Amino acid sequence: MDTITIRKATLDDVATVQQIGRETFFETFAAANTQADMQTYLKENFSHAKVSAELSNPDSLFYIAWEGQMPIGYLKVNTGQIQTELQDETALEIDVMMKKVLD
C-alpha cells in the first residue's frame, strides 16, 4: 500500500472530482433510483461547468486523497451560504469517500 496523501483541489482537478463524485454517488444511490434519474442527476451535478464553479467558490473547499498516483476519494467542505442543509455560519457540511477504498 502506497502512502496516502491529501491535497487541496484546484481547477486542474475538475476531471478527478467529476470521476470520484460520479462513482461514489452511483455506488451510494443507484439501487434506490431509476437509471434515468441517475443519469440525469450525474449529468447535471457533475458537469464540467458545475464542478468548476464549485471548485472556484471560496465557500466550497475540496481535498483529494491520493494513494500513490490514484485518487481514492475527496473531502468536500461547504461553509456559509453554499451549504445545502443547515444554513449556519458556524456549521460545516462534509462529503465523500470511494467505496472500493473502504472495502
N, C-alpha and C. Protein backbone atom coordinates (compact mmCIF):
# COMPACT_ATOMS: atom_id res chain seq x y z
N MET A 1 0.85 -1.18 0.00
CA MET A 1 0.00 0.00 0.00
C MET A 1 0.88 1.24 0.00
N ASP A 2 0.62 2.13 -0.95
CA ASP A 2 1.34 3.41 -1.02
C ASP A 2 0.86 4.32 0.10
N THR A 3 1.66 5.31 0.37
CA THR A 3 1.28 6.34 1.34
C THR A 3 0.08 7.12 0.81
N ILE A 4 -0.84 7.42 1.68
CA ILE A 4 -1.99 8.24 1.30
C ILE A 4 -1.65 9.69 1.61
N THR A 5 -1.83 10.53 0.59
CA THR A 5 -1.62 11.96 0.76
C THR A 5 -2.92 12.69 0.46
N ILE A 6 -3.06 13.83 1.07
CA ILE A 6 -4.25 14.66 0.86
C ILE A 6 -3.79 16.04 0.48
N ARG A 7 -4.39 16.56 -0.61
CA ARG A 7 -4.04 17.92 -1.01
C ARG A 7 -5.30 18.66 -1.45
N LYS A 8 -5.24 19.97 -1.32
CA LYS A 8 -6.37 20.81 -1.71
C LYS A 8 -6.54 20.75 -3.23
N ALA A 9 -7.77 20.57 -3.67
CA ALA A 9 -8.08 20.51 -5.10
C ALA A 9 -8.06 21.90 -5.70
N THR A 10 -7.69 21.96 -6.98
CA THR A 10 -7.69 23.20 -7.75
C THR A 10 -8.52 22.98 -9.01
N LEU A 11 -8.63 24.00 -9.84
CA LEU A 11 -9.35 23.85 -11.10
C LEU A 11 -8.70 22.80 -12.01
N ASP A 12 -7.43 22.50 -11.80
CA ASP A 12 -6.78 21.44 -12.58
C ASP A 12 -7.32 20.06 -12.22
N ASP A 13 -8.08 19.96 -11.14
CA ASP A 13 -8.60 18.68 -10.66
C ASP A 13 -10.06 18.44 -11.01
N VAL A 14 -10.63 19.23 -11.91
CA VAL A 14 -12.05 19.08 -12.25
C VAL A 14 -12.37 17.65 -12.66
N ALA A 15 -11.62 17.07 -13.57
CA ALA A 15 -11.92 15.72 -14.06
C ALA A 15 -11.83 14.68 -12.94
N THR A 16 -10.89 14.85 -12.03
CA THR A 16 -10.74 13.92 -10.91
C THR A 16 -11.94 14.01 -9.98
N VAL A 17 -12.36 15.22 -9.65
CA VAL A 17 -13.53 15.40 -8.79
C VAL A 17 -14.78 14.86 -9.47
N GLN A 18 -14.92 15.09 -10.77
CA GLN A 18 -16.07 14.54 -11.50
C GLN A 18 -16.09 13.02 -11.40
N GLN A 19 -14.97 12.39 -11.66
CA GLN A 19 -14.88 10.93 -11.65
C GLN A 19 -15.24 10.36 -10.27
N ILE A 20 -14.62 10.90 -9.23
CA ILE A 20 -14.89 10.41 -7.88
C ILE A 20 -16.35 10.68 -7.50
N GLY A 21 -16.83 11.87 -7.79
CA GLY A 21 -18.21 12.22 -7.45
C GLY A 21 -19.22 11.33 -8.14
N ARG A 22 -19.05 11.11 -9.43
CA ARG A 22 -19.98 10.25 -10.17
C ARG A 22 -19.96 8.83 -9.62
N GLU A 23 -18.76 8.30 -9.41
CA GLU A 23 -18.62 6.92 -8.93
C GLU A 23 -19.22 6.74 -7.54
N THR A 24 -18.92 7.64 -6.63
CA THR A 24 -19.42 7.48 -5.27
C THR A 24 -20.93 7.71 -5.18
N PHE A 25 -21.44 8.67 -5.95
CA PHE A 25 -22.88 8.90 -5.93
C PHE A 25 -23.60 7.68 -6.49
N PHE A 26 -23.10 7.14 -7.60
CA PHE A 26 -23.72 5.96 -8.21
C PHE A 26 -23.70 4.79 -7.23
N GLU A 27 -22.55 4.52 -6.61
CA GLU A 27 -22.43 3.42 -5.65
C GLU A 27 -23.43 3.56 -4.51
N THR A 28 -23.62 4.77 -4.06
CA THR A 28 -24.46 5.02 -2.89
C THR A 28 -25.95 5.02 -3.20
N PHE A 29 -26.35 5.56 -4.36
CA PHE A 29 -27.77 5.82 -4.60
C PHE A 29 -28.39 5.09 -5.78
N ALA A 30 -27.64 4.35 -6.57
CA ALA A 30 -28.20 3.71 -7.77
C ALA A 30 -29.32 2.72 -7.44
N ALA A 31 -29.16 1.96 -6.37
CA ALA A 31 -30.16 0.95 -6.04
C ALA A 31 -31.52 1.56 -5.68
N ALA A 32 -31.53 2.80 -5.25
CA ALA A 32 -32.78 3.44 -4.81
C ALA A 32 -33.37 4.36 -5.87
N ASN A 33 -32.78 4.38 -7.08
CA ASN A 33 -33.24 5.29 -8.13
C ASN A 33 -33.34 4.57 -9.46
N THR A 34 -34.11 5.16 -10.37
CA THR A 34 -34.16 4.61 -11.73
C THR A 34 -32.88 4.98 -12.47
N GLN A 35 -32.59 4.22 -13.51
CA GLN A 35 -31.41 4.52 -14.32
C GLN A 35 -31.52 5.91 -14.93
N ALA A 36 -32.71 6.28 -15.38
CA ALA A 36 -32.92 7.60 -15.98
C ALA A 36 -32.66 8.72 -14.97
N ASP A 37 -33.18 8.55 -13.75
CA ASP A 37 -32.95 9.56 -12.71
C ASP A 37 -31.48 9.69 -12.38
N MET A 38 -30.79 8.54 -12.30
CA MET A 38 -29.36 8.57 -12.00
C MET A 38 -28.60 9.31 -13.09
N GLN A 39 -28.88 8.99 -14.34
CA GLN A 39 -28.17 9.63 -15.45
C GLN A 39 -28.41 11.14 -15.46
N THR A 40 -29.65 11.54 -15.21
CA THR A 40 -29.97 12.97 -15.16
C THR A 40 -29.20 13.66 -14.04
N TYR A 41 -29.22 13.07 -12.86
CA TYR A 41 -28.53 13.67 -11.71
C TYR A 41 -27.03 13.77 -11.97
N LEU A 42 -26.43 12.68 -12.43
CA LEU A 42 -24.98 12.67 -12.67
C LEU A 42 -24.59 13.70 -13.73
N LYS A 43 -25.39 13.79 -14.78
CA LYS A 43 -25.09 14.74 -15.86
C LYS A 43 -25.18 16.19 -15.36
N GLU A 44 -26.21 16.49 -14.59
CA GLU A 44 -26.42 17.86 -14.12
C GLU A 44 -25.46 18.26 -12.99
N ASN A 45 -25.20 17.35 -12.07
CA ASN A 45 -24.45 17.71 -10.87
C ASN A 45 -22.95 17.48 -10.95
N PHE A 46 -22.49 16.75 -11.95
CA PHE A 46 -21.06 16.52 -12.10
C PHE A 46 -20.56 16.98 -13.47
N SER A 47 -21.25 17.96 -14.04
CA SER A 47 -20.80 18.54 -15.31
C SER A 47 -19.51 19.33 -15.07
N HIS A 48 -18.77 19.54 -16.13
CA HIS A 48 -17.53 20.32 -16.03
C HIS A 48 -17.82 21.71 -15.48
N ALA A 49 -18.88 22.34 -15.98
CA ALA A 49 -19.22 23.70 -15.55
C ALA A 49 -19.58 23.75 -14.06
N LYS A 50 -20.39 22.79 -13.60
CA LYS A 50 -20.82 22.79 -12.20
C LYS A 50 -19.65 22.52 -11.25
N VAL A 51 -18.83 21.52 -11.58
CA VAL A 51 -17.69 21.20 -10.71
C VAL A 51 -16.69 22.36 -10.71
N SER A 52 -16.46 22.97 -11.87
CA SER A 52 -15.56 24.13 -11.94
C SER A 52 -16.06 25.28 -11.07
N ALA A 53 -17.36 25.52 -11.12
CA ALA A 53 -17.95 26.59 -10.30
C ALA A 53 -17.78 26.29 -8.81
N GLU A 54 -17.99 25.03 -8.43
CA GLU A 54 -17.83 24.66 -7.02
C GLU A 54 -16.38 24.81 -6.58
N LEU A 55 -15.45 24.37 -7.42
CA LEU A 55 -14.03 24.49 -7.08
C LEU A 55 -13.59 25.95 -7.00
N SER A 56 -14.27 26.83 -7.71
CA SER A 56 -13.93 28.25 -7.72
C SER A 56 -14.58 29.03 -6.58
N ASN A 57 -15.55 28.43 -5.92
CA ASN A 57 -16.28 29.11 -4.86
C ASN A 57 -15.48 29.06 -3.55
N PRO A 58 -15.17 30.21 -2.96
CA PRO A 58 -14.37 30.21 -1.72
C PRO A 58 -15.08 29.56 -0.53
N ASP A 59 -16.40 29.36 -0.60
CA ASP A 59 -17.14 28.70 0.47
C ASP A 59 -17.22 27.18 0.30
N SER A 60 -16.62 26.66 -0.77
CA SER A 60 -16.63 25.22 -1.04
C SER A 60 -15.19 24.75 -1.17
N LEU A 61 -14.73 23.96 -0.21
CA LEU A 61 -13.34 23.50 -0.18
C LEU A 61 -13.28 22.01 -0.49
N PHE A 62 -12.44 21.65 -1.44
CA PHE A 62 -12.26 20.25 -1.82
C PHE A 62 -10.84 19.82 -1.50
N TYR A 63 -10.71 18.61 -0.95
CA TYR A 63 -9.41 18.00 -0.71
C TYR A 63 -9.47 16.59 -1.29
N ILE A 64 -8.48 16.23 -2.10
CA ILE A 64 -8.44 14.91 -2.73
C ILE A 64 -7.44 14.03 -2.00
N ALA A 65 -7.86 12.79 -1.70
CA ALA A 65 -6.96 11.80 -1.11
C ALA A 65 -6.37 10.97 -2.25
N TRP A 66 -5.06 10.79 -2.21
CA TRP A 66 -4.34 10.04 -3.24
C TRP A 66 -3.59 8.89 -2.59
N GLU A 67 -3.67 7.72 -3.19
CA GLU A 67 -2.81 6.59 -2.83
C GLU A 67 -1.84 6.44 -3.98
N GLY A 68 -0.63 6.91 -3.79
CA GLY A 68 0.31 6.99 -4.90
C GLY A 68 -0.23 7.97 -5.92
N GLN A 69 -0.40 7.51 -7.16
CA GLN A 69 -0.93 8.35 -8.24
C GLN A 69 -2.43 8.19 -8.45
N MET A 70 -3.09 7.36 -7.62
CA MET A 70 -4.51 7.07 -7.80
C MET A 70 -5.36 7.89 -6.83
N PRO A 71 -6.33 8.65 -7.36
CA PRO A 71 -7.25 9.34 -6.46
C PRO A 71 -8.19 8.32 -5.83
N ILE A 72 -8.35 8.38 -4.51
CA ILE A 72 -9.17 7.38 -3.83
C ILE A 72 -10.37 7.99 -3.10
N GLY A 73 -10.52 9.28 -3.15
CA GLY A 73 -11.66 9.91 -2.52
C GLY A 73 -11.45 11.40 -2.40
N TYR A 74 -12.51 12.08 -2.03
CA TYR A 74 -12.34 13.50 -1.75
C TYR A 74 -13.19 13.91 -0.57
N LEU A 75 -12.77 14.97 0.03
CA LEU A 75 -13.50 15.62 1.11
C LEU A 75 -13.98 16.95 0.56
N LYS A 76 -15.26 17.21 0.71
CA LYS A 76 -15.82 18.50 0.30
C LYS A 76 -16.41 19.14 1.54
N VAL A 77 -15.96 20.33 1.84
CA VAL A 77 -16.46 21.07 2.99
C VAL A 77 -17.15 22.32 2.49
N ASN A 78 -18.45 22.41 2.74
CA ASN A 78 -19.21 23.60 2.39
C ASN A 78 -19.37 24.46 3.63
N THR A 79 -19.16 25.75 3.46
CA THR A 79 -19.34 26.70 4.56
C THR A 79 -20.27 27.81 4.09
N GLY A 80 -20.72 28.62 5.02
CA GLY A 80 -21.52 29.79 4.66
C GLY A 80 -22.77 29.45 3.88
N GLN A 81 -23.08 30.27 2.90
CA GLN A 81 -24.33 30.17 2.15
C GLN A 81 -24.37 29.01 1.16
N ILE A 82 -23.25 28.37 0.89
CA ILE A 82 -23.25 27.26 -0.08
C ILE A 82 -23.72 25.94 0.53
N GLN A 83 -23.88 25.90 1.85
CA GLN A 83 -24.37 24.68 2.50
C GLN A 83 -25.74 24.31 1.97
N THR A 84 -25.97 23.02 1.76
CA THR A 84 -27.26 22.58 1.22
C THR A 84 -28.26 22.22 2.30
N GLU A 85 -27.79 21.96 3.50
CA GLU A 85 -28.69 21.55 4.58
C GLU A 85 -28.85 22.69 5.58
N LEU A 86 -28.08 22.67 6.62
CA LEU A 86 -28.16 23.67 7.68
C LEU A 86 -27.42 24.93 7.25
N GLN A 87 -28.13 26.02 7.10
CA GLN A 87 -27.52 27.30 6.71
C GLN A 87 -27.07 28.03 7.98
N ASP A 88 -25.88 27.69 8.46
CA ASP A 88 -25.39 28.23 9.72
C ASP A 88 -23.92 28.60 9.55
N GLU A 89 -23.58 29.83 9.86
CA GLU A 89 -22.20 30.30 9.70
C GLU A 89 -21.20 29.52 10.55
N THR A 90 -21.66 28.89 11.62
CA THR A 90 -20.74 28.14 12.49
C THR A 90 -20.71 26.65 12.16
N ALA A 91 -21.44 26.23 11.12
CA ALA A 91 -21.51 24.81 10.76
C ALA A 91 -20.68 24.51 9.52
N LEU A 92 -20.32 23.24 9.37
CA LEU A 92 -19.65 22.73 8.18
C LEU A 92 -20.49 21.60 7.62
N GLU A 93 -20.42 21.39 6.31
CA GLU A 93 -21.10 20.29 5.65
C GLU A 93 -20.03 19.49 4.92
N ILE A 94 -19.95 18.20 5.18
CA ILE A 94 -18.84 17.38 4.68
C ILE A 94 -19.35 16.21 3.85
N ASP A 95 -18.64 15.83 2.73
CA ASP A 95 -18.94 14.69 1.86
C ASP A 95 -17.73 13.75 1.77
N VAL A 96 -17.60 12.72 1.17
CA VAL A 96 -17.34 11.65 0.20
C VAL A 96 -16.03 10.81 0.31
N MET A 97 -16.15 9.50 0.23
CA MET A 97 -15.01 8.58 0.10
C MET A 97 -15.44 7.43 -0.81
N MET A 98 -14.55 6.95 -1.64
CA MET A 98 -14.88 5.90 -2.60
C MET A 98 -15.05 4.55 -1.91
N LYS A 99 -16.11 3.82 -2.28
CA LYS A 99 -16.43 2.53 -1.67
C LYS A 99 -15.30 1.53 -1.84
N LYS A 100 -14.67 1.49 -3.01
CA LYS A 100 -13.62 0.48 -3.23
C LYS A 100 -12.47 0.64 -2.25
N VAL A 101 -12.28 1.83 -1.73
CA VAL A 101 -11.23 2.06 -0.74
C VAL A 101 -11.67 1.54 0.63
N LEU A 102 -12.95 1.67 0.92
CA LEU A 102 -13.46 1.24 2.21
C LEU A 102 -13.59 -0.27 2.33
N ASP A 103 -13.73 -0.96 1.20
CA ASP A 103 -13.91 -2.43 1.20
C ASP A 103 -12.69 -3.17 1.60
